[in-house]
Protein backbone atom coordinates (compact mmCIF):
# COMPACT_ATOMS: atom_id res chain seq x y z
CA MET A 1 -80.10 -24.37 -65.41
CA THR A 2 -79.14 -24.37 -69.07
CA THR A 3 -76.18 -26.48 -70.05
CA ARG A 4 -74.00 -25.23 -72.87
CA VAL A 5 -72.72 -27.88 -75.26
CA VAL A 6 -69.35 -26.90 -76.64
CA ALA A 7 -68.27 -28.63 -79.82
CA SER A 8 -64.97 -30.39 -79.56
CA LYS A 9 -62.28 -30.02 -82.18
CA SER A 10 -63.18 -33.46 -83.54
CA ASP A 11 -66.78 -32.31 -84.07
CA LEU A 12 -65.54 -29.39 -86.16
CA THR A 13 -63.28 -31.48 -88.38
CA SER A 14 -64.02 -31.00 -92.06
CA PRO A 15 -65.51 -33.91 -94.07
CA THR A 16 -62.30 -34.07 -96.11
CA LYS A 17 -60.13 -34.40 -93.01
CA ARG A 18 -62.48 -37.00 -91.54
CA GLY A 19 -62.13 -38.96 -94.78
CA ARG A 20 -58.33 -38.86 -94.49
CA GLN A 21 -58.52 -40.03 -90.88
CA LEU A 22 -60.78 -42.91 -91.86
CA LYS A 23 -58.42 -44.07 -94.62
CA ALA A 24 -55.41 -43.71 -92.34
CA ARG A 25 -56.62 -46.49 -90.05
CA PHE A 26 -56.70 -49.02 -92.89
CA SER A 27 -53.87 -51.54 -93.03
CA VAL A 28 -52.98 -54.26 -95.56
CA ARG A 29 -52.06 -57.90 -95.05
CA GLU A 30 -51.73 -60.71 -97.54
CA LEU A 31 -54.24 -63.53 -97.82
CA GLY A 32 -52.79 -66.78 -96.49
CA SER A 33 -53.38 -69.51 -93.96
CA ALA A 34 -53.00 -67.06 -91.06
CA THR A 35 -55.48 -64.54 -92.49
CA TRP A 36 -57.93 -67.04 -93.97
CA PRO A 37 -60.32 -66.86 -90.95
CA ASP A 38 -60.58 -63.06 -91.37
CA PHE A 39 -61.25 -63.40 -95.11
CA GLU A 40 -63.76 -66.20 -94.45
CA ARG A 41 -65.66 -64.07 -91.94
CA MET A 42 -65.95 -61.17 -94.36
CA VAL A 43 -67.11 -63.34 -97.28
CA GLN A 44 -69.70 -65.09 -95.11
CA LYS A 45 -71.04 -61.68 -94.06
CA HIS A 46 -71.79 -61.07 -97.76
CA ASN A 47 -73.35 -64.50 -98.41
CA GLY A 48 -70.40 -65.88 -100.34
CA VAL A 49 -69.89 -62.74 -102.48
CA TRP A 50 -71.53 -62.48 -105.92
CA GLY A 51 -73.88 -65.38 -105.39
CA GLY A 52 -71.38 -67.71 -103.72
CA CYS A 53 -68.33 -67.07 -105.89
CA TRP A 54 -65.88 -66.83 -102.98
CA CYS A 55 -63.60 -65.01 -105.44
CA THR A 56 -62.90 -68.18 -107.42
CA PHE A 57 -64.12 -67.09 -110.88
CA PHE A 58 -60.67 -66.36 -112.32
CA HIS A 59 -59.22 -69.50 -110.72
CA LEU A 60 -61.61 -71.83 -112.49
CA THR A 61 -61.16 -73.41 -115.90
CA PRO A 62 -64.36 -74.92 -117.40
CA SER A 63 -63.44 -78.39 -116.16
CA LEU A 64 -62.65 -77.14 -112.65
CA ALA A 65 -65.89 -75.15 -112.60
CA LYS A 66 -67.82 -78.39 -113.08
CA GLN A 67 -65.71 -80.26 -110.56
CA TRP A 68 -66.12 -77.65 -107.82
CA SER A 69 -69.66 -76.49 -108.60
CA GLY A 70 -71.36 -75.58 -105.32
CA LYS A 71 -68.10 -76.01 -103.39
CA HIS A 72 -66.39 -72.69 -104.05
CA LYS A 73 -65.55 -72.07 -100.39
CA GLU A 74 -63.79 -75.42 -100.11
CA TYR A 75 -61.87 -74.81 -103.34
CA LYS A 76 -60.81 -71.31 -102.29
CA GLU A 77 -59.55 -72.52 -98.92
CA LYS A 78 -57.68 -75.37 -100.59
CA LEU A 79 -55.88 -72.90 -102.88
CA VAL A 80 -55.10 -70.43 -100.10
CA ARG A 81 -53.60 -73.06 -97.82
CA ALA A 82 -51.50 -74.35 -100.74
CA ASN A 83 -50.24 -70.79 -101.42
CA GLN A 84 -51.96 -70.82 -104.82
CA SER A 85 -54.36 -67.92 -104.25
CA HIS A 86 -53.23 -64.41 -103.40
CA ALA A 87 -54.90 -61.18 -102.40
CA ALA A 88 -54.13 -57.93 -100.63
CA LEU A 89 -56.59 -57.75 -97.72
CA VAL A 90 -57.52 -54.33 -96.36
CA TYR A 91 -58.19 -54.28 -92.63
CA ASN A 92 -60.11 -51.83 -90.50
CA GLY A 93 -58.89 -52.83 -87.07
CA PRO A 94 -59.34 -56.62 -86.75
CA ASP A 95 -61.76 -56.89 -89.67
CA VAL A 96 -61.21 -57.35 -93.40
CA VAL A 97 -63.16 -54.68 -95.28
CA GLY A 98 -61.99 -55.37 -98.82
CA TRP A 99 -59.40 -56.97 -101.07
CA CYS A 100 -57.68 -57.06 -104.42
CA GLN A 101 -56.95 -60.50 -105.83
CA PHE A 102 -53.66 -60.88 -107.74
CA GLY A 103 -51.49 -63.63 -109.13
CA PRO A 104 -49.67 -64.94 -112.20
CA PRO A 105 -51.76 -66.13 -115.21
CA PRO A 106 -51.33 -69.87 -114.47
CA GLU A 107 -52.90 -69.23 -111.06
CA LEU A 108 -55.69 -67.10 -112.54
CA PRO A 109 -56.45 -68.59 -115.98
CA GLY A 110 -60.00 -67.29 -116.31
CA ARG A 111 -60.75 -65.12 -119.37
CA MET A 112 -57.21 -65.30 -120.68
CA ASN A 113 -58.50 -66.04 -124.20
CA GLY A 114 -59.20 -62.33 -124.63
CA TYR A 115 -55.48 -61.77 -125.16
CA ASP A 116 -55.61 -63.71 -128.41
CA THR A 117 -57.53 -60.90 -130.07
CA MET A 118 -55.24 -58.17 -128.74
CA ASP A 119 -52.05 -59.51 -130.33
CA MET A 120 -50.01 -58.85 -127.21
CA ALA A 121 -48.05 -60.87 -124.71
CA SER A 122 -49.68 -62.06 -121.52
CA PRO A 123 -48.71 -60.17 -118.37
CA ASP A 124 -46.51 -61.50 -115.61
CA TRP A 125 -49.25 -60.70 -113.08
CA ARG A 126 -52.99 -60.08 -113.05
CA THR A 127 -55.11 -58.06 -110.62
CA THR A 128 -58.47 -59.61 -111.29
CA CYS A 129 -61.05 -58.94 -108.59
CA PHE A 130 -61.99 -56.38 -105.97
CA PHE A 131 -64.58 -56.58 -103.27
CA VAL A 132 -65.41 -54.00 -100.61
CA ASP A 133 -67.53 -54.50 -97.50
CA ARG A 134 -70.95 -52.93 -97.96
CA ASP A 135 -70.34 -50.76 -94.89
CA HIS A 136 -67.09 -49.29 -96.26
CA ARG A 137 -67.73 -48.48 -99.90
CA ARG A 138 -66.56 -45.16 -101.36
CA GLU A 139 -63.91 -44.81 -98.65
CA GLY A 140 -60.86 -45.61 -100.76
CA VAL A 141 -60.68 -49.29 -99.79
CA ALA A 142 -60.26 -50.58 -103.38
CA LYS A 143 -57.38 -48.17 -104.05
CA LYS A 144 -55.70 -49.22 -100.81
CA ALA A 145 -56.10 -52.86 -101.85
CA LEU A 146 -54.60 -52.25 -105.30
CA GLU A 147 -51.65 -50.39 -103.76
CA GLY A 148 -51.15 -53.35 -101.44
CA ALA A 149 -51.25 -55.84 -104.31
CA LEU A 150 -48.66 -53.85 -106.24
CA GLY A 151 -46.45 -53.82 -103.17
CA PHE A 152 -46.66 -57.61 -102.80
CA ILE A 153 -45.90 -58.01 -106.51
CA ALA A 154 -42.86 -55.73 -106.21
CA ALA A 155 -41.63 -57.83 -103.30
CA ARG A 156 -41.81 -60.88 -105.57
CA GLY A 157 -39.64 -59.29 -108.23
CA GLY A 158 -42.19 -57.18 -110.10
CA GLY A 159 -43.00 -57.39 -113.80
CA THR A 160 -45.87 -56.42 -116.07
CA VAL A 161 -49.19 -56.17 -114.24
CA ASP A 162 -52.61 -56.04 -115.90
CA GLY A 163 -55.90 -54.90 -114.42
CA TYR A 164 -59.44 -55.16 -115.81
CA PRO A 165 -61.59 -52.18 -114.86
CA LYS A 166 -65.14 -52.00 -116.17
CA ALA A 167 -66.19 -49.03 -118.29
CA LEU A 168 -68.88 -47.28 -116.25
CA PRO A 169 -72.02 -46.00 -118.02
CA ARG A 170 -71.86 -42.23 -118.39
CA GLY A 171 -74.78 -40.32 -116.94
CA LYS A 172 -76.40 -43.46 -115.57
CA PRO A 173 -76.58 -44.77 -111.99
CA TYR A 174 -74.59 -47.88 -111.21
CA SER A 175 -74.16 -50.18 -108.26
CA SER A 176 -70.71 -50.10 -106.71
CA SER A 177 -71.23 -53.71 -105.61
CA PHE A 178 -70.73 -54.88 -109.21
CA ILE A 179 -67.50 -53.05 -110.02
CA TRP A 180 -65.54 -56.25 -109.54
CA GLY A 181 -62.65 -55.04 -111.72
CA GLY A 182 -62.23 -51.59 -110.17
CA THR A 183 -62.43 -48.35 -112.13
CA GLU A 184 -60.34 -46.91 -114.95
CA SER A 185 -59.66 -43.74 -112.96
CA MET A 186 -58.29 -45.70 -109.99
CA TYR A 187 -55.88 -47.66 -112.19
CA ALA A 188 -54.83 -44.52 -114.06
CA LYS A 189 -53.99 -42.73 -110.80
CA LEU A 190 -51.62 -45.56 -109.94
CA GLY A 191 -49.78 -45.38 -113.27
CA PHE A 192 -51.64 -47.93 -115.40
CA ARG A 193 -52.23 -47.23 -119.10
CA PRO A 194 -54.98 -48.69 -121.33
CA VAL A 195 -53.82 -51.33 -123.83
CA GLY A 196 -57.05 -52.84 -125.15
CA ALA A 197 -60.35 -54.48 -124.30
CA LEU A 198 -60.88 -57.94 -122.84
CA GLY A 199 -63.39 -59.49 -125.22
CA THR A 200 -65.59 -57.91 -127.89
CA SER A 201 -67.97 -55.79 -125.79
CA ASN A 202 -65.36 -53.13 -124.84
CA ARG A 203 -66.92 -53.01 -121.38
CA VAL A 204 -63.92 -54.61 -119.67
CA LYS A 205 -60.70 -52.71 -120.30
CA VAL A 206 -57.16 -53.98 -120.00
CA MET A 207 -54.75 -51.58 -118.30
CA ARG A 208 -51.05 -52.33 -117.80
CA LYS A 209 -48.19 -51.15 -115.64
CA VAL A 210 -44.60 -52.28 -115.21
CA VAL A 211 -43.80 -52.73 -111.53
CA ARG A 212 -40.17 -52.69 -110.46
CA GLY A 213 -38.99 -55.39 -108.11
CA ARG A 214 -37.46 -54.58 -104.77
């Protein structure tokens, strides 16, 4: 006897609709003592992220970098539990699949000297780093994280917010694992405008938006 296999409606769903369904199940929570174990689990899955950074690069001044060399996890946890490190964590069910780090300049002092050459005021807030789980890249996680960060900033009164997307090489392949600053197009879609370059290479752009408090 031959058995007919009838495709269900879910099997016939278009790739675009499946993409929307996938994004719809993402939720956002803020990094803090309660969510630290989820963040820790995700970073450990990726061997400390970027060679053991634990998303501390922008937290570290040169003197702190020497003091905490090889102990980035301990330093990150110390900051998080003291409410001195912030990020919008994107969840897929119980698991963190990405984040956008944000905070005021005193909390994220790394690479602030680039503003000296731009002749412009420092922002009230910075969105410095993104990371996306290797199993969830190109699914809109970074954009969801940036939207979450902007929401948390608005809840804190808003202000000027800067981001630092990297200029991608045109016509050349690139690894999405190294787009730590997000992309220009993602920031532009959320209302950011270019204001200069961070440093002399022009590879890291500075994009700014004014976020209203609520």
